[in-house]
Amino acid sequence: MDNLPVHMRITSLAPTNDDVDARRATITELSETWGKITDITELLTKADAIANSLGGNGEPYEHLGMEVQEVLQKSASAYLYAERPLDVGVCAGMAAMSIMEGEPGSGGWQIADVYSNALWSALAFQPALGEDKREKLRREVLDRSRERSRASADRARDRSLVPDMGDLAITVTAETLKTTNTFKKATSATIDALRRNAVLDREELDFLWWIQLNRSRLVQKPFGGMAEPARLVASGIEAATHLRRLPANLHFDLVLRSVDDDAELDLKTLIEGIGDDKALLAMSFNSTRAAVYPSVFPLLHVLATGDVAVLGAQVKRKASVWAGRALLEAGLMRMCDNGALRL
């Protein structure tokens, strides 16, 4: 929260110490509360609301505004979010930053990972704001969420150091001749590390075999015969089906390996270029969830519903950017549905 006094200038030209302290206490409480949410639907709903409060006109969803107001009134009893809605974005954005401060774990699917990937997806799709102070905050949250997501995905694929087996003890009770041993305790750490490394190797091999195949199983045609934008989007969505964790930098690089023209397209033009294949692509992910969260899954939302009226849809992006987004959204969607497969 080091930048809180700077971001307070979004809502006031000269915030007082009491103003900053009240927001700081609010941010601490919000981050603690939000960091304990475990239900995936609640997490996506919260991330969606945070992203909305940081972008657009800054008018937050009512449920987020009321939540921030209730907490902030503990330190500033006269505060009403309807009169100062931008305070909601400052508190929500800084609370999200606080949640993402921790070091990533080796599991690759912590509460902070859901927030970081969902916020990365939502904020990266929003148009940049014309207000410099608000854009600085929005960009700070976006950059942090992207960095946290990439670090977590890489950390989740670190091979484990395989420890030596422990000492095995066998005990025989003289009276009953009953035998007990410590075999499981002596070998469990070694076996768990070997199993984790083997499954990481399996994910890597499966992904590379799919790369070599160079054919889409989702749309049942060679990637080489598809127009570049459609090929890259299909490749990004299909790549996620071969992953056991959120996508890492290497996976983005491999999806983008065939970029050539890298034309710029808005979302409507992109979907028109995909044509009939969009129905086949939509069958590979949870269309219901994509329909509910258009800000977190804008590309998958349009593939599932055909509705291109999402914030940011008119911004032209390179085909490579659309491909990266396809992998990001599909990877997050898969993890939301299945959780982290055991490694």
Protein backbone atom coordinates (compact mmCIF):
# COMPACT_ATOMS: atom_id res chain seq x y z
CA MET A 1 0.00 0.00 0.00
CA ASP A 2 3.01 2.30 -0.42
CA ASN A 3 1.30 4.13 -3.30
CA LEU A 4 -1.95 4.75 -1.43
CA PRO A 5 -1.24 8.46 -0.77
CA VAL A 6 -0.57 8.87 -4.50
CA HIS A 7 -3.75 7.08 -5.55
CA MET A 8 -5.80 9.02 -3.00
CA ARG A 9 -5.24 12.03 -5.29
CA ILE A 10 -7.72 10.35 -7.64
CA THR A 11 -10.51 11.32 -5.26
CA SER A 12 -9.09 14.42 -3.57
CA LEU A 13 -6.51 17.03 -4.45
CA ALA A 14 -5.33 17.25 -0.85
CA PRO A 15 -6.26 14.16 1.19
CA THR A 16 -5.65 14.40 4.92
CA ASN A 17 -3.74 11.93 7.05
CA ASP A 18 -7.07 10.75 8.45
CA ASP A 19 -8.37 10.14 4.91
CA VAL A 20 -5.36 8.00 4.05
CA ASP A 21 -5.42 6.11 7.36
CA ALA A 22 -9.13 5.33 7.00
CA ARG A 23 -8.59 3.92 3.50
CA ARG A 24 -5.55 1.98 4.66
CA ALA A 25 -7.56 0.28 7.42
CA THR A 26 -10.32 -0.47 4.90
CA ILE A 27 -7.89 -2.00 2.42
CA THR A 28 -6.41 -4.21 5.13
CA GLU A 29 -9.82 -5.54 6.18
CA LEU A 30 -11.01 -6.05 2.62
CA SER A 31 -7.86 -7.95 1.61
CA GLU A 32 -8.15 -10.21 4.65
CA THR A 33 -11.81 -10.95 3.91
CA TRP A 34 -11.40 -11.43 0.18
CA GLY A 35 -8.29 -13.54 0.67
CA LYS A 36 -10.36 -16.14 2.54
CA ILE A 37 -12.95 -16.70 -0.20
CA THR A 38 -12.69 -20.23 -1.57
CA ASP A 39 -15.76 -20.59 -3.79
CA ILE A 40 -14.71 -20.12 -7.42
CA THR A 41 -17.94 -18.34 -8.37
CA GLU A 42 -17.50 -15.82 -5.55
CA LEU A 43 -13.86 -15.28 -6.51
CA LEU A 44 -14.71 -14.56 -10.15
CA THR A 45 -17.57 -12.30 -9.10
CA LYS A 46 -15.25 -10.34 -6.82
CA ALA A 47 -12.51 -10.06 -9.47
CA ASP A 48 -15.09 -8.90 -12.01
CA ALA A 49 -16.33 -6.21 -9.61
CA ILE A 50 -12.80 -5.03 -8.80
CA ALA A 51 -11.91 -4.74 -12.48
CA ASN A 52 -15.13 -2.85 -13.19
CA SER A 53 -14.42 -0.34 -10.41
CA LEU A 54 -10.97 0.35 -11.88
CA GLY A 55 -12.08 0.82 -15.50
CA GLY A 56 -14.84 2.58 -17.40
CA ASN A 57 -16.43 5.54 -15.64
CA GLY A 58 -15.39 4.28 -12.21
CA GLU A 59 -18.96 3.65 -11.07
CA PRO A 60 -18.75 0.39 -9.08
CA TYR A 61 -21.31 -2.36 -8.90
CA GLU A 62 -23.71 -1.70 -6.05
CA HIS A 63 -22.72 -4.80 -4.08
CA LEU A 64 -19.05 -3.77 -4.13
CA GLY A 65 -19.85 -0.14 -3.33
CA MET A 66 -21.94 -1.13 -0.33
CA GLU A 67 -19.28 -3.55 0.91
CA VAL A 68 -16.54 -0.92 0.76
CA GLN A 69 -18.85 1.67 2.30
CA GLU A 70 -19.67 -0.59 5.26
CA VAL A 71 -15.99 -1.21 6.02
CA LEU A 72 -14.86 2.38 5.40
CA GLN A 73 -17.56 3.79 7.67
CA LYS A 74 -15.82 2.11 10.60
CA SER A 75 -13.09 4.74 10.24
CA ALA A 76 -14.97 7.48 8.34
CA SER A 77 -18.57 7.36 9.52
CA ALA A 78 -19.82 10.05 7.09
CA TYR A 79 -18.62 8.26 3.95
CA LEU A 80 -21.19 7.32 1.27
CA TYR A 81 -19.95 5.53 -1.83
CA ALA A 82 -22.67 7.15 -3.98
CA GLU A 83 -21.06 10.54 -3.30
CA ARG A 84 -17.45 9.37 -3.78
CA PRO A 85 -17.57 6.27 -6.02
CA LEU A 86 -13.91 6.51 -7.07
CA ASP A 87 -12.90 5.69 -3.49
CA VAL A 88 -14.31 2.21 -4.10
CA GLY A 89 -11.92 1.61 -6.99
CA VAL A 90 -8.94 2.85 -4.96
CA CYS A 91 -9.75 0.61 -1.98
CA ALA A 92 -10.67 -2.41 -4.13
CA GLY A 93 -7.63 -2.11 -6.38
CA MET A 94 -5.22 -1.72 -3.48
CA ALA A 95 -6.84 -4.63 -1.62
CA ALA A 96 -6.33 -6.82 -4.69
CA MET A 97 -2.69 -5.73 -4.81
CA SER A 98 -2.30 -6.74 -1.18
CA ILE A 99 -3.73 -10.21 -1.84
CA MET A 100 -1.27 -10.72 -4.70
CA GLU A 101 1.78 -9.70 -2.67
CA GLY A 102 2.52 -13.18 -1.31
CA GLU A 103 4.97 -15.60 -2.88
CA PRO A 104 3.43 -18.16 -5.27
CA GLY A 105 3.23 -21.74 -4.04
CA SER A 106 4.23 -24.89 -5.89
CA GLY A 107 0.59 -25.98 -6.29
CA GLY A 108 -0.21 -23.27 -8.82
CA TRP A 109 -3.82 -22.77 -7.75
CA GLN A 110 -4.09 -20.51 -4.73
CA ILE A 111 -6.76 -17.90 -4.05
CA ALA A 112 -4.29 -15.24 -5.20
CA ASP A 113 -3.88 -17.12 -8.51
CA VAL A 114 -7.58 -16.83 -9.27
CA TYR A 115 -7.53 -13.10 -8.56
CA SER A 116 -4.32 -12.50 -10.51
CA ASN A 117 -5.39 -14.39 -13.63
CA ALA A 118 -8.96 -13.05 -13.62
CA LEU A 119 -7.77 -9.46 -13.10
CA TRP A 120 -5.07 -9.85 -15.74
CA SER A 121 -7.67 -11.03 -18.24
CA ALA A 122 -10.27 -8.39 -17.39
CA LEU A 123 -7.97 -5.36 -17.04
CA ALA A 124 -5.91 -6.18 -20.14
CA PHE A 125 -9.07 -6.14 -22.24
CA GLN A 126 -10.30 -2.79 -20.96
CA PRO A 127 -9.53 0.33 -23.03
CA ALA A 128 -6.95 2.61 -21.45
CA LEU A 129 -8.43 5.46 -19.42
CA GLY A 130 -8.03 9.08 -20.39
CA GLU A 131 -7.64 10.15 -16.75
CA ASP A 132 -3.95 9.78 -15.93
CA LYS A 133 -4.36 9.23 -12.18
CA ARG A 134 -6.98 6.50 -12.56
CA GLU A 135 -5.05 4.89 -15.40
CA LYS A 136 -1.94 4.74 -13.25
CA LEU A 137 -3.80 2.75 -10.60
CA ARG A 138 -5.51 0.52 -13.15
CA ARG A 139 -2.17 -0.15 -14.83
CA GLU A 140 -0.46 -0.88 -11.53
CA VAL A 141 -3.02 -3.56 -10.68
CA LEU A 142 -2.82 -4.97 -14.22
CA ASP A 143 0.97 -5.18 -14.18
CA ARG A 144 1.01 -6.81 -10.75
CA SER A 145 -1.64 -9.37 -11.70
CA ARG A 146 0.26 -10.29 -14.88
CA GLU A 147 3.57 -10.63 -13.04
CA ARG A 148 1.99 -12.72 -10.26
CA SER A 149 0.26 -14.99 -12.77
CA ARG A 150 3.42 -15.68 -14.74
CA ALA A 151 5.52 -16.25 -11.62
CA SER A 152 2.97 -18.66 -10.21
CA ALA A 153 2.68 -20.68 -13.43
CA ASP A 154 6.46 -21.03 -13.65
CA ARG A 155 6.79 -21.90 -9.96
CA ALA A 156 4.14 -24.62 -10.29
CA ARG A 157 6.33 -26.39 -12.85
CA ASP A 158 9.57 -26.41 -10.89
CA ARG A 159 10.77 -29.98 -10.49
CA SER A 160 11.00 -31.19 -6.90
CA LEU A 161 14.27 -32.17 -5.33
CA VAL A 162 14.03 -35.92 -4.71
CA PRO A 163 15.13 -36.64 -1.13
CA ASP A 164 16.80 -39.83 -0.03
CA MET A 165 14.54 -42.39 1.58
CA GLY A 166 14.34 -42.27 5.33
CA ASP A 167 15.47 -45.00 7.68
CA LEU A 168 13.17 -48.01 7.73
CA ALA A 169 12.35 -49.47 11.13
CA ILE A 170 10.63 -52.83 11.64
CA THR A 171 9.28 -53.74 15.04
CA VAL A 172 8.08 -57.18 16.12
CA THR A 173 6.03 -57.44 19.33
CA ALA A 174 7.28 -60.46 21.26
CA GLU A 175 3.95 -61.38 22.86
CA THR A 176 1.83 -61.35 19.70
CA LEU A 177 4.51 -61.55 17.01
CA LYS A 178 2.73 -58.60 15.40
CA THR A 179 4.96 -56.70 12.97
CA THR A 180 4.88 -52.93 12.40
CA ASN A 181 7.08 -50.82 10.14
CA THR A 182 7.76 -47.25 9.09
CA PHE A 183 7.90 -47.99 5.37
CA LYS A 184 5.32 -45.38 4.38
CA LYS A 185 6.95 -42.67 6.48
CA ALA A 186 10.41 -43.57 5.19
CA THR A 187 9.45 -43.51 1.51
CA SER A 188 6.53 -41.05 1.15
CA ALA A 189 8.61 -37.89 0.60
CA THR A 190 10.73 -39.61 -2.06
CA ILE A 191 7.75 -41.15 -3.85
CA ASP A 192 5.75 -37.89 -3.77
CA ALA A 193 8.66 -35.97 -5.35
CA LEU A 194 9.14 -38.62 -8.04
CA ARG A 195 5.41 -38.68 -8.77
CA ARG A 196 5.23 -34.88 -9.06
CA ASN A 197 8.22 -34.74 -11.40
CA ALA A 198 6.82 -37.55 -13.53
CA VAL A 199 3.46 -35.82 -13.99
CA LEU A 200 5.17 -32.53 -14.87
CA ASP A 201 7.20 -34.43 -17.45
CA ARG A 202 3.96 -36.00 -18.76
CA GLU A 203 2.31 -32.59 -19.15
CA GLU A 204 5.34 -31.33 -21.04
CA LEU A 205 5.48 -34.35 -23.34
CA ASP A 206 1.73 -34.26 -24.05
CA PHE A 207 1.95 -30.58 -24.92
CA LEU A 208 4.95 -31.05 -27.20
CA TRP A 209 3.36 -34.03 -28.97
CA TRP A 210 0.32 -31.86 -29.64
CA ILE A 211 2.59 -29.14 -31.01
CA GLN A 212 4.22 -31.67 -33.36
CA LEU A 213 0.85 -32.97 -34.51
CA ASN A 214 0.01 -29.50 -35.91
CA ARG A 215 -3.64 -30.46 -36.24
CA SER A 216 -6.64 -29.20 -34.31
CA ARG A 217 -8.69 -31.89 -32.69
CA LEU A 218 -11.32 -29.33 -31.71
CA VAL A 219 -12.15 -28.16 -35.24
CA GLN A 220 -10.90 -31.33 -36.96
CA LYS A 221 -8.57 -29.75 -39.48
CA PRO A 222 -4.85 -29.01 -39.87
CA PHE A 223 -3.76 -25.74 -38.31
CA GLY A 224 -1.80 -24.97 -41.46
CA GLY A 225 -4.97 -24.77 -43.54
CA MET A 226 -6.62 -22.14 -41.36
CA ALA A 227 -6.47 -18.36 -41.71
CA GLU A 228 -3.93 -16.96 -39.28
CA PRO A 229 -6.26 -15.25 -36.76
CA ALA A 230 -8.55 -18.29 -36.56
CA ARG A 231 -5.57 -20.63 -36.35
CA LEU A 232 -3.97 -18.73 -33.50
CA VAL A 233 -7.18 -18.47 -31.47
CA ALA A 234 -7.98 -22.16 -31.97
CA SER A 235 -4.41 -23.03 -31.02
CA GLY A 236 -4.63 -20.99 -27.81
CA ILE A 237 -7.91 -22.57 -26.73
CA GLU A 238 -6.81 -26.10 -27.59
CA ALA A 239 -3.43 -25.67 -25.90
CA ALA A 240 -5.19 -25.13 -22.56
CA THR A 241 -6.78 -28.60 -22.77
CA HIS A 242 -3.32 -30.18 -22.44
CA LEU A 243 -2.31 -28.29 -19.29
CA ARG A 244 -2.57 -29.34 -15.64
CA ARG A 245 -1.84 -25.87 -14.31
CA LEU A 246 -2.31 -22.31 -15.54
CA PRO A 247 -0.31 -21.54 -18.70
CA ALA A 248 3.31 -20.44 -18.31
CA ASN A 249 5.47 -18.24 -20.55
CA LEU A 250 6.67 -21.24 -22.57
CA HIS A 251 3.12 -22.21 -23.50
CA PHE A 252 2.37 -18.71 -24.76
CA ASP A 253 5.56 -18.80 -26.84
CA LEU A 254 4.66 -22.14 -28.41
CA VAL A 255 1.12 -21.03 -29.26
CA LEU A 256 2.62 -17.99 -31.02
CA ARG A 257 5.25 -19.99 -32.92
CA SER A 258 3.44 -19.69 -36.27
CA VAL A 259 2.70 -15.94 -36.19
CA ASP A 260 3.39 -14.38 -39.59
CA ASP A 261 1.24 -11.46 -40.76
CA ASP A 262 -0.07 -10.65 -37.26
CA ALA A 263 -2.92 -8.52 -38.57
CA GLU A 264 -4.85 -6.19 -36.24
CA LEU A 265 -8.54 -6.97 -35.77
CA ASP A 266 -11.34 -5.94 -33.47
CA LEU A 267 -13.39 -8.64 -31.77
CA LYS A 268 -16.25 -8.61 -34.26
CA THR A 269 -13.90 -9.04 -37.24
CA LEU A 270 -12.03 -11.80 -35.44
CA ILE A 271 -15.21 -13.78 -34.74
CA GLU A 272 -16.37 -13.35 -38.34
CA GLY A 273 -13.03 -14.78 -39.50
CA ILE A 274 -13.43 -17.82 -37.25
CA GLY A 275 -16.79 -18.48 -38.87
CA ASP A 276 -18.50 -21.82 -38.27
CA ASP A 277 -15.58 -23.10 -36.22
CA LYS A 278 -16.67 -20.95 -33.28
CA ALA A 279 -19.37 -23.49 -32.35
CA LEU A 280 -16.79 -26.29 -32.20
CA LEU A 281 -14.43 -24.15 -30.13
CA ALA A 282 -17.25 -23.24 -27.73
CA MET A 283 -17.87 -26.93 -27.04
CA SER A 284 -14.43 -27.20 -25.42
CA PHE A 285 -15.12 -24.87 -22.46
CA ASN A 286 -17.82 -23.97 -19.96
CA SER A 287 -20.10 -21.76 -22.06
CA THR A 288 -22.36 -21.01 -19.11
CA ARG A 289 -19.55 -19.53 -17.04
CA ALA A 290 -18.26 -17.61 -20.07
CA ALA A 291 -21.71 -16.10 -20.57
CA VAL A 292 -21.91 -14.95 -16.94
CA TYR A 293 -18.47 -13.29 -16.81
CA PRO A 294 -17.94 -11.35 -20.07
CA SER A 295 -15.33 -9.07 -18.53
CA VAL A 296 -13.14 -11.95 -17.31
CA PHE A 297 -13.69 -14.16 -20.39
CA PRO A 298 -14.51 -11.66 -23.18
CA LEU A 299 -13.27 -13.83 -26.05
CA LEU A 300 -14.83 -17.05 -24.78
CA HIS A 301 -18.01 -15.11 -24.00
CA VAL A 302 -18.40 -14.03 -27.61
CA LEU A 303 -17.58 -17.51 -28.94
CA ALA A 304 -20.27 -18.94 -26.66
CA THR A 305 -22.98 -16.29 -27.07
CA GLY A 306 -22.21 -14.34 -30.24
CA ASP A 307 -22.69 -11.11 -28.26
CA VAL A 308 -19.85 -8.72 -29.11
CA ALA A 309 -21.20 -5.88 -26.94
CA VAL A 310 -18.45 -6.19 -24.34
CA LEU A 311 -16.23 -3.40 -23.06
CA GLY A 312 -13.07 -3.30 -25.17
CA ALA A 313 -14.51 -5.21 -28.13
CA GLN A 314 -13.88 -2.34 -30.55
CA VAL A 315 -10.18 -2.08 -29.76
CA LYS A 316 -8.07 -3.53 -32.57
CA ARG A 317 -5.53 -6.06 -31.37
CA LYS A 318 -2.91 -8.10 -33.19
CA ALA A 319 -3.68 -11.73 -33.95
CA SER A 320 -0.86 -12.73 -31.60
CA VAL A 321 -2.55 -10.81 -28.77
CA TRP A 322 -5.83 -12.61 -29.46
CA ALA A 323 -3.96 -15.93 -29.37
CA GLY A 324 -2.41 -15.11 -26.00
CA ARG A 325 -5.83 -14.09 -24.72
CA ALA A 326 -7.36 -17.36 -25.96
CA LEU A 327 -4.80 -19.34 -23.98
CA LEU A 328 -5.15 -17.13 -20.89
CA GLU A 329 -8.94 -17.34 -20.80
CA ALA A 330 -9.17 -21.03 -21.68
CA GLY A 331 -6.47 -21.92 -19.16
CA LEU A 332 -8.27 -20.05 -16.38
CA MET A 333 -11.62 -21.55 -17.41
CA ARG A 334 -10.23 -25.06 -17.30
CA MET A 335 -8.78 -24.54 -13.83
CA CYS A 336 -12.05 -23.03 -12.59
CA ASP A 337 -13.91 -26.15 -13.75
CA ASN A 338 -11.46 -28.85 -12.73
CA GLY A 339 -9.10 -27.35 -10.18
CA ALA A 340 -5.44 -28.27 -10.16
CA LEU A 341 -4.90 -31.85 -11.26
CA ARG A 342 -2.75 -33.70 -8.76
CA LEU A 343 0.95 -33.55 -9.40
